[in-house]
Amino acid sequence: MAIFAPLFDALSKSNIRYVVVSGLATVLHGYPRLTVDIDLMVDLAHEQAEKVISTLTTFGLVPQLPLDPTAFANPQTRQTWNREKNMQVFSMIDPQNPLRIVDLFVENPIPFEDIWGRSITVQVDTVSIRIASLVDLIHLKRLAGRPQDLLNIEQLEQIQKQREGATDG
């Protein structure tokens, strides 16, 4: 997690509206599993999308594919990427540290305001990180449907039941 703490600090200082989903969110909800990247749903409004790309490039990240990173802010470009290249996420990597990978959803599978409103903030060391709620995380994993996601759903549902049981008593 220490490898990503400065990145989350940079996102916070830039007032980026993001929600961590997928593997890291699963870990931060309490199910330990291996994950090597950060999957983010971000506010795709033009100004916010520009700001997230500016923050990530200033942080030293570059697109994994030979694309202009500023094009991410253009909704028509993202739609073209999704339609013609079947691009689900726009991946940015740190050339100095190839383990630092950030995947930005090209189109959010859940309306951003909805996932943002249900998200929670967790504290990791000195950094606050906004993660998807268990309900949204489980829904996203069902949409993905990969074997690892299906295994994660079982664990996340157990965590959800434990939390619900803790609030009942």
Protein backbone atom coordinates (compact mmCIF):
# COMPACT_ATOMS: atom_id res chain seq x y z
CA MET A 1 0.00 0.00 0.00
CA ALA A 2 2.91 2.33 0.67
CA ILE A 3 3.68 2.41 -3.05
CA PHE A 4 0.31 4.09 -3.70
CA ALA A 5 0.06 6.41 -0.67
CA PRO A 6 1.76 9.37 -2.42
CA LEU A 7 -0.61 8.97 -5.36
CA PHE A 8 -3.70 9.11 -3.15
CA ASP A 9 -2.20 12.11 -1.39
CA ALA A 10 -1.76 13.84 -4.78
CA LEU A 11 -5.36 13.02 -5.77
CA SER A 12 -6.61 14.41 -2.48
CA LYS A 13 -4.58 17.62 -2.74
CA SER A 14 -5.93 18.15 -6.28
CA ASN A 15 -9.52 17.65 -5.06
CA ILE A 16 -10.06 14.78 -7.49
CA ARG A 17 -13.40 13.02 -7.15
CA TYR A 18 -12.56 9.32 -7.39
CA VAL A 19 -13.73 6.02 -5.97
CA VAL A 20 -11.42 2.99 -5.72
CA VAL A 21 -13.04 -0.16 -7.06
CA SER A 22 -11.94 -3.74 -7.78
CA GLY A 23 -8.95 -5.41 -6.10
CA LEU A 24 -7.68 -2.63 -3.86
CA ALA A 25 -11.21 -1.83 -2.68
CA THR A 26 -11.67 -5.53 -1.89
CA VAL A 27 -8.49 -5.47 0.21
CA LEU A 28 -9.50 -2.27 1.99
CA HIS A 29 -12.87 -3.82 2.87
CA GLY A 30 -11.00 -6.58 4.67
CA TYR A 31 -10.41 -9.43 2.24
CA PRO A 32 -6.68 -9.88 1.69
CA ARG A 33 -5.82 -10.73 -1.88
CA LEU A 34 -3.07 -9.89 -4.31
CA THR A 35 -3.59 -6.87 -6.52
CA VAL A 36 -1.09 -4.89 -8.54
CA ASP A 37 -3.05 -1.93 -9.83
CA ILE A 38 -5.51 0.70 -8.74
CA ASP A 39 -8.87 0.78 -10.49
CA LEU A 40 -10.58 4.15 -10.24
CA MET A 41 -13.94 5.43 -11.21
CA VAL A 42 -13.60 9.17 -11.58
CA ASP A 43 -15.99 12.00 -12.21
CA LEU A 44 -15.93 12.10 -16.02
CA ALA A 45 -17.16 15.69 -16.26
CA HIS A 46 -14.71 17.44 -18.59
CA GLU A 47 -13.06 19.65 -15.96
CA GLN A 48 -12.67 16.79 -13.47
CA ALA A 49 -11.36 14.42 -16.14
CA GLU A 50 -8.77 17.04 -17.18
CA LYS A 51 -7.78 17.51 -13.55
CA VAL A 52 -7.30 13.79 -12.91
CA ILE A 53 -5.11 13.41 -16.01
CA SER A 54 -3.09 16.48 -15.08
CA THR A 55 -2.56 15.14 -11.56
CA LEU A 56 -1.54 11.68 -12.76
CA THR A 57 0.86 13.01 -15.42
CA THR A 58 2.38 15.47 -12.95
CA PHE A 59 2.84 12.48 -10.65
CA GLY A 60 4.87 10.86 -13.44
CA LEU A 61 2.36 8.43 -14.91
CA VAL A 62 2.08 7.93 -18.66
CA PRO A 63 -0.50 6.08 -20.77
CA GLN A 64 0.27 2.40 -21.22
CA LEU A 65 -0.81 2.72 -24.86
CA PRO A 66 0.63 5.34 -27.21
CA LEU A 67 -2.23 7.80 -26.69
CA ASP A 68 -2.39 11.47 -25.76
CA PRO A 69 -3.43 11.40 -22.09
CA THR A 70 -5.33 14.69 -22.40
CA ALA A 71 -7.71 12.98 -24.85
CA PHE A 72 -9.20 11.13 -21.85
CA ALA A 73 -11.11 14.31 -20.91
CA ASN A 74 -13.06 14.22 -24.18
CA PRO A 75 -16.26 12.13 -23.83
CA GLN A 76 -16.47 11.46 -27.58
CA THR A 77 -12.89 10.15 -27.59
CA ARG A 78 -13.64 7.85 -24.64
CA GLN A 79 -16.75 6.55 -26.44
CA THR A 80 -14.66 5.87 -29.55
CA TRP A 81 -12.03 4.05 -27.49
CA ASN A 82 -14.76 1.97 -25.88
CA ARG A 83 -16.61 1.22 -29.12
CA GLU A 84 -13.69 0.72 -31.52
CA LYS A 85 -10.97 -0.62 -29.23
CA ASN A 86 -13.24 -2.25 -26.64
CA MET A 87 -11.31 -0.20 -24.08
CA GLN A 88 -12.86 -0.53 -20.64
CA VAL A 89 -10.09 1.27 -18.76
CA PHE A 90 -7.44 3.83 -19.64
CA SER A 91 -4.25 2.51 -18.06
CA MET A 92 -1.49 4.77 -16.84
CA ILE A 93 1.82 3.46 -15.59
CA ASP A 94 4.85 4.81 -13.79
CA PRO A 95 7.89 4.23 -16.03
CA GLN A 96 10.11 4.50 -12.92
CA ASN A 97 8.11 1.88 -11.04
CA PRO A 98 6.20 -0.55 -13.28
CA LEU A 99 4.26 -1.87 -10.28
CA ARG A 100 2.45 1.47 -10.03
CA ILE A 101 -0.49 1.16 -12.45
CA VAL A 102 -3.70 3.18 -12.41
CA ASP A 103 -6.71 2.11 -14.47
CA LEU A 104 -9.37 4.78 -15.08
CA PHE A 105 -12.77 3.59 -16.26
CA VAL A 106 -13.48 4.99 -19.72
CA GLU A 107 -17.23 4.80 -19.03
CA ASN A 108 -18.50 4.33 -15.50
CA PRO A 109 -20.66 1.20 -15.18
CA ILE A 110 -22.47 2.87 -12.27
CA PRO A 111 -23.41 6.56 -12.49
CA PHE A 112 -20.60 8.41 -10.76
CA GLU A 113 -22.82 10.45 -8.44
CA ASP A 114 -24.44 7.21 -7.22
CA ILE A 115 -21.19 5.38 -6.48
CA TRP A 116 -19.68 8.56 -4.98
CA GLY A 117 -22.69 9.03 -2.69
CA ARG A 118 -22.51 5.46 -1.37
CA SER A 119 -18.70 5.28 -1.14
CA ILE A 120 -16.86 5.29 2.17
CA THR A 121 -13.57 6.78 3.25
CA VAL A 122 -10.93 4.60 4.87
CA GLN A 123 -7.78 5.77 6.55
CA VAL A 124 -4.55 4.01 5.59
CA ASP A 125 -1.65 5.38 7.58
CA THR A 126 -1.93 9.13 7.03
CA VAL A 127 -3.93 8.95 3.79
CA SER A 128 -7.71 8.95 3.37
CA ILE A 129 -8.92 6.81 0.49
CA ARG A 130 -12.45 6.77 -0.91
CA ILE A 131 -13.60 3.23 -1.78
CA ALA A 132 -16.77 1.74 -3.25
CA SER A 133 -19.41 0.53 -0.83
CA LEU A 134 -19.68 -3.23 -0.45
CA VAL A 135 -22.97 -3.21 -2.37
CA ASP A 136 -21.42 -1.36 -5.33
CA LEU A 137 -18.23 -3.39 -5.23
CA ILE A 138 -20.18 -6.66 -5.32
CA HIS A 139 -22.29 -5.32 -8.20
CA LEU A 140 -19.19 -4.32 -10.18
CA LYS A 141 -17.62 -7.72 -9.62
CA ARG A 142 -20.80 -9.42 -10.85
CA LEU A 143 -20.63 -7.27 -14.00
CA ALA A 144 -17.01 -8.28 -14.57
CA GLY A 145 -17.83 -11.95 -13.96
CA ARG A 146 -14.25 -13.24 -14.04
CA PRO A 147 -13.43 -16.28 -11.86
CA GLN A 148 -11.42 -14.11 -9.41
CA ASP A 149 -14.32 -11.67 -9.15
CA LEU A 150 -16.77 -14.49 -8.39
CA LEU A 151 -14.48 -15.70 -5.59
CA ASN A 152 -14.21 -12.14 -4.28
CA ILE A 153 -18.00 -11.81 -4.25
CA GLU A 154 -18.30 -14.77 -1.86
CA GLN A 155 -15.80 -13.19 0.52
CA LEU A 156 -17.30 -9.71 0.24
CA GLU A 157 -20.79 -11.07 0.95
CA GLN A 158 -19.44 -12.76 4.09
CA ILE A 159 -17.88 -9.45 5.20
CA GLN A 160 -21.20 -7.72 4.48
CA LYS A 161 -23.13 -10.27 6.61
CA GLN A 162 -20.62 -9.88 9.46
CA ARG A 163 -20.97 -6.10 9.39
CA GLU A 164 -24.75 -6.30 9.27
CA GLY A 165 -24.67 -8.72 12.22
CA ALA A 166 -22.41 -6.36 14.15
CA THR A 167 -24.88 -3.49 13.71
CA ASP A 168 -27.90 -5.62 14.66
CA GLY A 169 -26.63 -6.39 18.12
